[in-house]
């Protein structure tokens, strides 16, 4: 296995001809030599043997905070899937922190009003510390985002003549708003701003932001990429070598590194990504359509629904509609909590993207945006039989009463 400095900045020509489902299975494996392992082993070493008189840059792995073969294998697969060069981080928040480190001191970040709450929390903390300024926008309203970018780029900075960074989630978490990604990337770049896309919900099987000329892709690997709710990890993916080096420097100097065993679990999870996403997204579309007809449901948010505001946009730029469904229960927060308490198959939990179906009322978290409805339940649809999932949801909704 080669060290990180020996890898190309993009996927090989032979890999580029393979479809995503095949890449997820075949990339990042050892050379197929007789007697060699099929999988990259877990490398448990904090340091590596050196050669007196040699430069560390000539030796490959030197120290466990700098590189690890198990990380590299995962990075090779994710890089192939996203069409860029990946870096594995110790958590999704570590990857988010790395991406925000690209903002010049005092620069402005334009971000959705309903992003992952951890992203908003970190941006606000950095703003209070004087490291950056923030502008919150409705990411689905393209004209408003462009206007915010016009204001943001008036501050000179060190990156490309601008201190601005546009942060995009599409769909957003948990409101499932869909951004016009090509238009926003074009507008941001025309104003000298960097574009970061959190692609956790869509996965590279649903959307490849780098193909739309985004600068950085961020993932909470904990979610769909790992897929089994057993590891906390994050990742970034870029095509620009300069951005890669800056992110690598941030990861190394801030110690935001992954454990080798967690990296191995995530790599194993990636192998079944296509199957899991296919089943989960199909389940989500069925449930969204049925939920829209249930009398206890006030509103359903999912891009698969023709009446959803993001439907046409998602159909044009995404390969699937995702496996997250947001349901607003009639009767307010109390009725929503009744539904969450009444399910038996669905797991009441805060994370998402695992093989199991989970749900929660998002406003139970103080950090959630106040514009998220109190009665909104976020469903992370898993790979169980859809009829069992529906039966459990339906009985819970049937018993919901206003409180």
Protein backbone atom coordinates (compact mmCIF):
# COMPACT_ATOMS: atom_id res chain seq x y z
CA UNK A 1 0.00 0.00 0.00
CA UNK A 2 1.46 3.34 -1.03
CA UNK A 3 1.78 6.31 1.28
CA UNK A 4 -0.46 9.37 0.83
CA UNK A 5 2.14 11.42 -1.02
CA UNK A 6 2.48 8.71 -3.65
CA UNK A 7 -1.18 8.62 -4.63
CA UNK A 8 -2.53 10.48 -7.68
CA UNK A 9 -4.78 13.49 -7.16
CA UNK A 10 -7.63 11.74 -8.97
CA UNK A 11 -8.85 8.25 -9.65
CA UNK A 12 -7.08 6.12 -12.23
CA UNK A 13 -8.36 5.83 -15.79
CA UNK A 14 -9.38 2.21 -15.25
CA UNK A 15 -11.34 3.11 -12.11
CA UNK A 16 -13.04 6.05 -13.80
CA UNK A 17 -14.76 3.65 -16.21
CA UNK A 18 -16.35 1.63 -13.41
CA UNK A 19 -19.80 2.32 -12.02
CA UNK A 20 -20.10 3.47 -8.39
CA UNK A 21 -21.40 0.17 -7.06
CA UNK A 22 -18.41 -1.62 -8.52
CA UNK A 23 -15.95 1.00 -7.28
CA UNK A 24 -17.28 0.66 -3.74
CA UNK A 25 -16.42 -3.05 -3.84
CA UNK A 26 -13.15 -3.05 -5.77
CA UNK A 27 -11.23 0.13 -4.96
CA UNK A 28 -8.71 0.34 -2.13
CA UNK A 29 -7.74 -3.33 -2.12
CA UNK A 30 -4.25 -4.87 -2.06
CA UNK A 31 -2.66 -6.05 -5.31
CA UNK A 32 -4.21 -9.43 -6.21
CA UNK A 33 -1.11 -11.57 -5.67
CA UNK A 34 -1.35 -15.29 -4.87
CA UNK A 35 -1.56 -15.74 -1.13
CA UNK A 36 -2.18 -12.03 -0.47
CA UNK A 37 -5.15 -10.94 1.68
CA UNK A 38 -8.26 -9.74 -0.12
CA UNK A 39 -8.70 -6.91 2.39
CA UNK A 40 -6.26 -4.32 3.68
CA UNK A 41 -5.44 -5.36 7.25
CA UNK A 42 -5.88 -3.21 10.32
CA UNK A 43 -2.48 -1.58 10.85
CA UNK A 44 -2.02 -1.05 14.60
CA UNK A 45 1.22 0.86 14.94
CA UNK A 46 1.99 4.30 16.30
CA UNK A 47 5.37 4.49 14.59
CA UNK A 48 7.27 2.96 11.68
CA UNK A 49 10.85 1.81 11.09
CA UNK A 50 13.06 4.49 9.60
CA UNK A 51 16.33 4.49 7.68
CA UNK A 52 19.24 6.55 9.10
CA UNK A 53 20.16 9.43 6.86
CA UNK A 54 16.95 9.29 4.80
CA UNK A 55 14.30 11.97 4.58
CA UNK A 56 10.91 10.97 6.05
CA UNK A 57 9.29 12.10 2.80
CA UNK A 58 11.10 9.26 1.00
CA UNK A 59 10.01 6.49 3.34
CA UNK A 60 6.19 6.38 3.24
CA UNK A 61 4.59 5.96 6.68
CA UNK A 62 6.66 7.43 9.50
CA UNK A 63 4.33 8.18 12.40
CA UNK A 64 0.77 7.19 13.23
CA UNK A 65 -0.58 10.74 13.29
CA UNK A 66 0.69 11.30 9.76
CA UNK A 67 -0.48 8.23 7.91
CA UNK A 68 -1.85 4.72 8.25
CA UNK A 69 -2.42 2.10 5.55
CA UNK A 70 -5.94 1.38 6.76
CA UNK A 71 -6.83 5.07 6.40
CA UNK A 72 -5.30 5.14 2.96
CA UNK A 73 -7.43 2.22 1.75
CA UNK A 74 -10.62 3.97 2.86
CA UNK A 75 -9.47 7.24 1.32
CA UNK A 76 -8.80 5.48 -1.98
CA UNK A 77 -12.36 4.13 -2.12
CA UNK A 78 -14.08 7.37 -1.13
CA UNK A 79 -11.84 9.36 -3.47
CA UNK A 80 -12.80 7.04 -6.33
CA UNK A 81 -16.49 7.38 -5.52
CA UNK A 82 -16.42 11.18 -5.27
CA UNK A 83 -13.94 11.68 -8.10
CA UNK A 84 -11.25 13.37 -6.01
CA UNK A 85 -8.74 12.85 -3.23
CA UNK A 86 -10.09 11.99 0.20
CA UNK A 87 -8.82 12.51 3.74
CA UNK A 88 -10.22 10.54 6.67
CA UNK A 89 -10.81 12.44 9.93
CA UNK A 90 -11.56 11.29 13.45
CA UNK A 91 -15.19 12.51 13.27
CA UNK A 92 -17.59 14.37 11.05
CA UNK A 93 -17.08 17.45 13.21
CA UNK A 94 -13.32 17.15 12.72
CA UNK A 95 -13.86 17.18 8.95
CA UNK A 96 -16.22 20.17 9.25
CA UNK A 97 -13.63 21.97 11.36
CA UNK A 98 -11.00 21.23 8.73
CA UNK A 99 -13.16 22.68 5.96
CA UNK A 100 -13.93 25.81 8.00
CA UNK A 101 -10.20 26.29 8.59
CA UNK A 102 -9.99 27.28 4.92
CA UNK A 103 -11.76 30.55 5.72
CA UNK A 104 -9.33 33.44 5.97
CA UNK A 105 -9.24 35.25 9.35
CA UNK A 106 -12.24 37.51 9.57
CA UNK A 107 -13.77 36.00 6.43
CA UNK A 108 -17.46 35.40 5.97
CA UNK A 109 -19.24 32.06 5.70
CA UNK A 110 -22.60 31.91 3.94
CA UNK A 111 -24.50 28.85 5.16
CA UNK A 112 -28.02 27.40 5.22
CA UNK A 113 -30.43 28.36 7.97
CA UNK A 114 -31.07 24.64 8.54
CA UNK A 115 -27.73 22.86 8.38
CA UNK A 116 -26.57 20.07 10.64
CA UNK A 117 -26.79 21.63 14.09
CA UNK A 118 -23.14 20.81 14.83
CA UNK A 119 -22.07 22.84 11.81
CA UNK A 120 -24.09 25.83 12.93
CA UNK A 121 -22.78 25.48 16.48
CA UNK A 122 -19.17 25.49 15.35
CA UNK A 123 -19.72 28.44 13.00
CA UNK A 124 -21.32 30.43 15.80
CA UNK A 125 -18.49 29.57 18.19
CA UNK A 126 -15.89 30.67 15.64
CA UNK A 127 -17.88 33.84 15.01
CA UNK A 128 -18.02 34.69 18.71
CA UNK A 129 -14.26 34.15 18.93
CA UNK A 130 -13.71 36.60 16.09
CA UNK A 131 -12.35 34.06 13.60
CA UNK A 132 -15.08 34.53 10.99
CA UNK A 133 -18.45 36.12 10.30
CA UNK A 134 -21.60 34.25 9.29
CA UNK A 135 -24.55 34.95 7.04
CA UNK A 136 -27.50 32.57 7.25
CA UNK A 137 -29.61 32.05 4.12
CA UNK A 138 -32.42 29.93 2.73
CA UNK A 139 -30.20 27.71 0.60
CA UNK A 140 -33.12 26.83 -1.70
CA UNK A 141 -33.63 30.51 -2.64
CA UNK A 142 -30.85 31.00 -5.18
CA UNK A 143 -31.25 34.75 -5.61
CA UNK A 144 -31.00 35.32 -1.86
CA UNK A 145 -27.84 33.20 -1.63
CA UNK A 146 -26.24 35.12 -4.49
CA UNK A 147 -27.10 38.43 -2.81
CA UNK A 148 -25.48 37.20 0.40
CA UNK A 149 -22.38 36.21 -1.56
CA UNK A 150 -22.21 39.70 -3.05
CA UNK A 151 -22.05 41.10 0.47
CA UNK A 152 -19.59 38.46 1.67
CA UNK A 153 -16.89 38.96 -0.95
CA UNK A 154 -16.45 42.63 -0.19
CA UNK A 155 -14.03 41.61 2.55
CA UNK A 156 -10.57 40.93 1.07
CA UNK A 157 -8.88 37.73 2.13
CA UNK A 158 -6.00 35.42 1.44
CA UNK A 159 -7.82 32.75 -0.59
CA UNK A 160 -8.24 33.66 -4.22
CA UNK A 161 -8.86 37.32 -3.54
CA UNK A 162 -11.80 36.61 -1.26
CA UNK A 163 -12.44 35.63 2.33
CA UNK A 164 -15.83 34.14 1.54
CA UNK A 165 -16.92 30.52 1.76
CA UNK A 166 -20.29 29.13 0.72
CA UNK A 167 -21.43 26.12 2.74
CA UNK A 168 -24.09 23.95 1.08
CA UNK A 169 -26.15 21.04 2.32
CA UNK A 170 -28.46 19.50 -0.24
CA UNK A 171 -30.81 18.27 1.04
CA UNK A 172 -30.50 20.15 4.34
CA UNK A 173 -30.72 18.50 7.74
CA UNK A 174 -33.53 18.12 8.82
CA UNK A 175 -35.73 20.30 6.56
CA UNK A 176 -34.66 18.61 3.29
CA UNK A 177 -34.37 21.84 1.33
CA UNK A 178 -32.69 21.30 -2.05
CA UNK A 179 -30.12 23.78 -3.35
CA UNK A 180 -29.50 24.56 -7.01
CA UNK A 181 -25.94 23.29 -6.77
CA UNK A 182 -24.67 24.14 -10.29
CA UNK A 183 -26.03 27.68 -10.10
CA UNK A 184 -24.68 28.35 -6.61
CA UNK A 185 -21.22 26.99 -7.37
CA UNK A 186 -21.03 29.12 -10.49
CA UNK A 187 -22.15 32.22 -8.61
CA UNK A 188 -19.75 31.63 -5.73
CA UNK A 189 -16.76 31.07 -7.97
CA UNK A 190 -17.61 34.17 -10.01
CA UNK A 191 -17.26 36.10 -6.76
CA UNK A 192 -14.06 34.39 -5.70
CA UNK A 193 -15.62 32.29 -2.94
CA UNK A 194 -14.85 28.68 -2.08
CA UNK A 195 -17.70 26.15 -2.03
CA UNK A 196 -18.00 23.35 0.52
CA UNK A 197 -20.76 20.76 0.14
CA UNK A 198 -21.78 18.48 2.98
CA UNK A 199 -22.73 15.38 1.00
CA UNK A 200 -23.64 13.16 3.96
CA UNK A 201 -27.33 12.77 3.08
CA UNK A 202 -26.93 12.26 -0.68
CA UNK A 203 -23.73 10.14 -0.56
CA UNK A 204 -21.55 10.00 -3.68
CA UNK A 205 -24.09 7.55 -5.12
CA UNK A 206 -26.70 10.29 -5.20
CA UNK A 207 -24.59 13.36 -5.95
CA UNK A 208 -20.96 14.13 -6.80
CA UNK A 209 -20.45 17.80 -5.92
CA UNK A 210 -16.93 17.91 -7.37
CA UNK A 211 -18.44 17.19 -10.79
CA UNK A 212 -20.34 20.46 -10.32
CA UNK A 213 -17.00 22.17 -9.56
CA UNK A 214 -17.48 22.42 -5.79
CA UNK A 215 -14.13 22.84 -4.01
CA UNK A 216 -14.54 20.60 -0.95
CA UNK A 217 -16.89 17.72 -0.13
CA UNK A 218 -17.50 16.89 3.53
CA UNK A 219 -18.92 13.66 4.93
CA UNK A 220 -19.95 12.39 8.29
CA UNK A 221 -18.57 8.92 7.59
CA UNK A 222 -20.41 7.81 10.73
CA UNK A 223 -23.63 7.84 8.71
CA UNK A 224 -24.19 6.15 5.33
CA UNK A 225 -20.59 5.49 4.35
CA UNK A 226 -19.96 3.37 7.43
CA UNK A 227 -23.61 2.38 7.60
CA UNK A 228 -23.68 0.21 10.73
CA UNK A 229 -23.78 2.73 13.61
CA UNK A 230 -20.51 1.42 15.03
CA UNK A 231 -17.85 4.02 14.23
CA UNK A 232 -17.46 7.82 14.47
CA UNK A 233 -15.49 9.25 11.54
CA UNK A 234 -15.49 12.07 9.00
CA UNK A 235 -13.91 12.85 5.65
CA UNK A 236 -13.14 15.57 3.13
CA UNK A 237 -12.65 15.16 -0.62
CA UNK A 238 -11.02 17.67 -3.00
CA UNK A 239 -9.45 17.80 -6.44
CA UNK A 240 -7.19 20.78 -5.86
CA UNK A 241 -3.75 19.76 -4.54
CA UNK A 242 -3.34 23.01 -2.60
CA UNK A 243 -6.59 22.48 -0.71
CA UNK A 244 -5.64 18.87 -0.05
CA UNK A 245 -2.34 19.95 1.50
CA UNK A 246 -4.05 22.54 3.69
CA UNK A 247 -6.61 20.03 4.94
CA UNK A 248 -3.91 17.43 5.53
CA UNK A 249 -1.91 19.99 7.50
CA UNK A 250 -4.96 20.82 9.61
CA UNK A 251 -5.66 17.14 10.30
CA UNK A 252 -2.05 16.45 11.26
CA UNK A 253 -1.44 19.51 13.41
CA UNK A 254 -4.81 19.38 15.17
CA UNK A 255 -4.60 15.64 15.74
CA UNK A 256 -7.98 15.04 14.11
CA UNK A 257 -7.00 11.52 13.06
CA UNK A 258 -8.97 8.30 12.83
CA UNK A 259 -8.33 5.10 14.70
CA UNK A 260 -7.18 2.26 12.41
CA UNK A 261 -9.90 -0.11 13.60
CA UNK A 262 -12.63 2.48 13.01
CA UNK A 263 -11.19 3.04 9.54
CA UNK A 264 -11.38 -0.70 8.90
CA UNK A 265 -15.04 -0.78 9.98
CA UNK A 266 -15.84 2.13 7.68
CA UNK A 267 -14.06 0.47 4.78
CA UNK A 268 -16.05 -2.69 5.36
CA UNK A 269 -19.22 -0.62 5.43
CA UNK A 270 -18.38 1.08 2.15
CA UNK A 271 -18.35 -2.27 0.37
CA UNK A 272 -22.14 -2.54 0.70
CA UNK A 273 -22.95 1.14 0.25
CA UNK A 274 -24.71 0.70 -3.09
CA UNK A 275 -26.96 -2.09 -1.84
CA UNK A 276 -27.82 -0.29 1.38
CA UNK A 277 -28.57 3.03 -0.28
CA UNK A 278 -30.66 1.40 -3.00
CA UNK A 279 -32.86 -0.39 -0.45
CA UNK A 280 -33.10 2.51 2.00
CA UNK A 281 -34.01 5.11 -0.64
CA UNK A 282 -36.64 2.82 -2.16
CA UNK A 283 -38.13 2.28 1.30
CA UNK A 284 -38.11 6.02 1.98
CA UNK A 285 -40.04 6.82 -1.19
CA UNK A 286 -42.74 4.26 -0.34
CA UNK A 287 -43.08 5.54 3.22
CA UNK A 288 -43.14 9.19 2.17
CA UNK A 289 -46.02 8.54 -0.24
CA UNK A 290 -48.01 6.65 2.40
CA UNK A 291 -47.31 9.16 5.15
CA UNK A 292 -48.61 11.95 2.93
CA UNK A 293 -52.01 10.22 2.97
CA UNK A 294 -52.21 9.56 6.71
CA UNK A 295 -54.73 11.76 8.56
CA UNK A 296 -52.38 12.24 11.54
CA UNK A 297 -49.71 13.78 9.32
CA UNK A 298 -49.72 17.51 8.68
CA UNK A 299 -46.84 17.56 6.18
CA UNK A 300 -44.24 15.23 4.70
CA UNK A 301 -40.91 16.47 3.39
CA UNK A 302 -39.11 14.22 0.90
CA UNK A 303 -37.83 15.14 -2.59
CA UNK A 304 -39.44 12.03 -4.12
CA UNK A 305 -42.91 13.54 -3.67
CA UNK A 306 -44.03 15.46 -6.79
CA UNK A 307 -45.50 18.19 -4.58
CA UNK A 308 -42.29 18.67 -2.60
CA UNK A 309 -40.66 22.07 -3.30
CA UNK A 310 -37.32 20.38 -4.02
CA UNK A 311 -38.64 17.61 -6.26
CA UNK A 312 -37.81 19.02 -9.70
CA UNK A 313 -34.40 20.29 -8.62
CA UNK A 314 -33.46 17.00 -6.94
CA UNK A 315 -34.64 15.00 -9.95
CA UNK A 316 -32.41 17.10 -12.20
CA UNK A 317 -29.18 16.89 -10.21
CA UNK A 318 -29.38 13.79 -8.01
CA UNK A 319 -29.33 10.07 -8.84
CA UNK A 320 -31.69 9.28 -5.94
CA UNK A 321 -33.90 11.16 -3.50
CA UNK A 322 -32.28 9.99 -0.28
CA UNK A 323 -33.45 7.97 2.69
CA UNK A 324 -34.29 10.79 5.12
CA UNK A 325 -37.97 11.72 5.49
CA UNK A 326 -39.30 14.55 7.67
CA UNK A 327 -42.85 14.26 9.04
CA UNK A 328 -44.85 16.95 10.81
CA UNK A 329 -47.42 15.31 13.08
CA UNK A 330 -50.83 16.91 13.67
CA UNK A 331 -51.26 17.97 17.27
CA UNK A 332 -47.93 19.65 17.90
CA UNK A 333 -44.84 18.58 19.78
CA UNK A 334 -46.76 16.42 22.23
CA UNK A 335 -48.34 14.33 19.51
CA UNK A 336 -44.96 13.97 17.81
CA UNK A 337 -43.43 12.72 21.05
CA UNK A 338 -46.27 10.21 21.37
CA UNK A 339 -45.41 8.82 17.94
CA UNK A 340 -41.72 8.57 18.82
CA UNK A 341 -42.60 6.73 22.04
CA UNK A 342 -45.11 4.36 20.43
CA UNK A 343 -42.93 2.79 17.74
CA UNK A 344 -41.48 -0.64 18.41
CA UNK A 345 -39.40 -1.48 15.34
CA UNK A 346 -38.04 2.00 14.70
CA UNK A 347 -35.21 3.01 17.05
CA UNK A 348 -35.52 6.31 18.90
CA UNK A 349 -32.01 7.68 18.31
CA UNK A 350 -30.31 10.84 17.16
CA UNK A 351 -27.98 9.56 14.46
CA UNK A 352 -28.87 8.34 10.98
CA UNK A 353 -27.68 6.43 7.94
CA UNK A 354 -27.38 2.99 9.54
CA UNK A 355 -29.00 -0.23 8.37
CA UNK A 356 -31.59 0.20 11.12
CA UNK A 357 -34.43 2.73 10.88
CA UNK A 358 -34.29 5.54 13.45
CA UNK A 359 -36.41 8.54 14.29
CA UNK A 360 -36.55 11.50 16.65
CA UNK A 361 -38.29 14.83 17.16
CA UNK A 362 -35.50 17.19 16.27
CA UNK A 363 -36.57 20.15 18.40
CA UNK A 364 -35.97 18.09 21.52
CA UNK A 365 -32.37 19.25 21.00
CA UNK A 366 -31.75 22.80 22.22
CA UNK A 367 -29.18 23.32 19.45
CA UNK A 368 -31.71 22.72 16.65
CA UNK A 369 -32.76 25.79 14.67
CA UNK A 370 -35.88 27.48 16.12
CA UNK A 371 -37.39 27.60 12.63
CA UNK A 372 -37.59 23.80 12.54
CA UNK A 373 -41.22 22.94 13.41
CA UNK A 374 -41.77 21.64 16.94
CA UNK A 375 -43.78 18.71 15.58
CA UNK A 376 -41.19 17.58 13.01
CA UNK A 377 -39.92 14.01 13.30
CA UNK A 378 -36.86 13.12 11.23
CA UNK A 379 -36.96 9.56 9.93
CA UNK A 380 -33.77 7.81 8.86
CA UNK A 381 -35.12 4.94 6.81
CA UNK A 382 -33.13 1.73 6.95
CA UNK A 383 -33.07 -1.50 5.00
CA UNK A 384 -35.75 -3.51 6.83
CA UNK A 385 -38.83 -4.76 4.99
CA UNK A 386 -40.85 -1.68 4.12
CA UNK A 387 -44.15 -3.30 5.12
CA UNK A 388 -42.86 -3.86 8.65
CA UNK A 389 -41.63 -0.29 8.84
CA UNK A 390 -44.97 1.04 7.65
CA UNK A 391 -47.01 -1.12 10.01
CA UNK A 392 -45.04 0.21 12.98
CA UNK A 393 -45.31 3.85 11.89
CA UNK A 394 -49.00 3.54 11.08
CA UNK A 395 -49.93 2.10 14.48
CA UNK A 396 -47.94 4.86 16.21
CA UNK A 397 -49.62 7.58 14.15
CA UNK A 398 -53.06 6.06 14.65
CA UNK A 399 -52.67 6.54 18.41
CA UNK A 400 -51.31 10.09 18.31
CA UNK A 401 -53.44 12.73 20.03
CA UNK A 402 -52.96 16.50 20.46
CA UNK A 403 -51.43 17.45 23.81
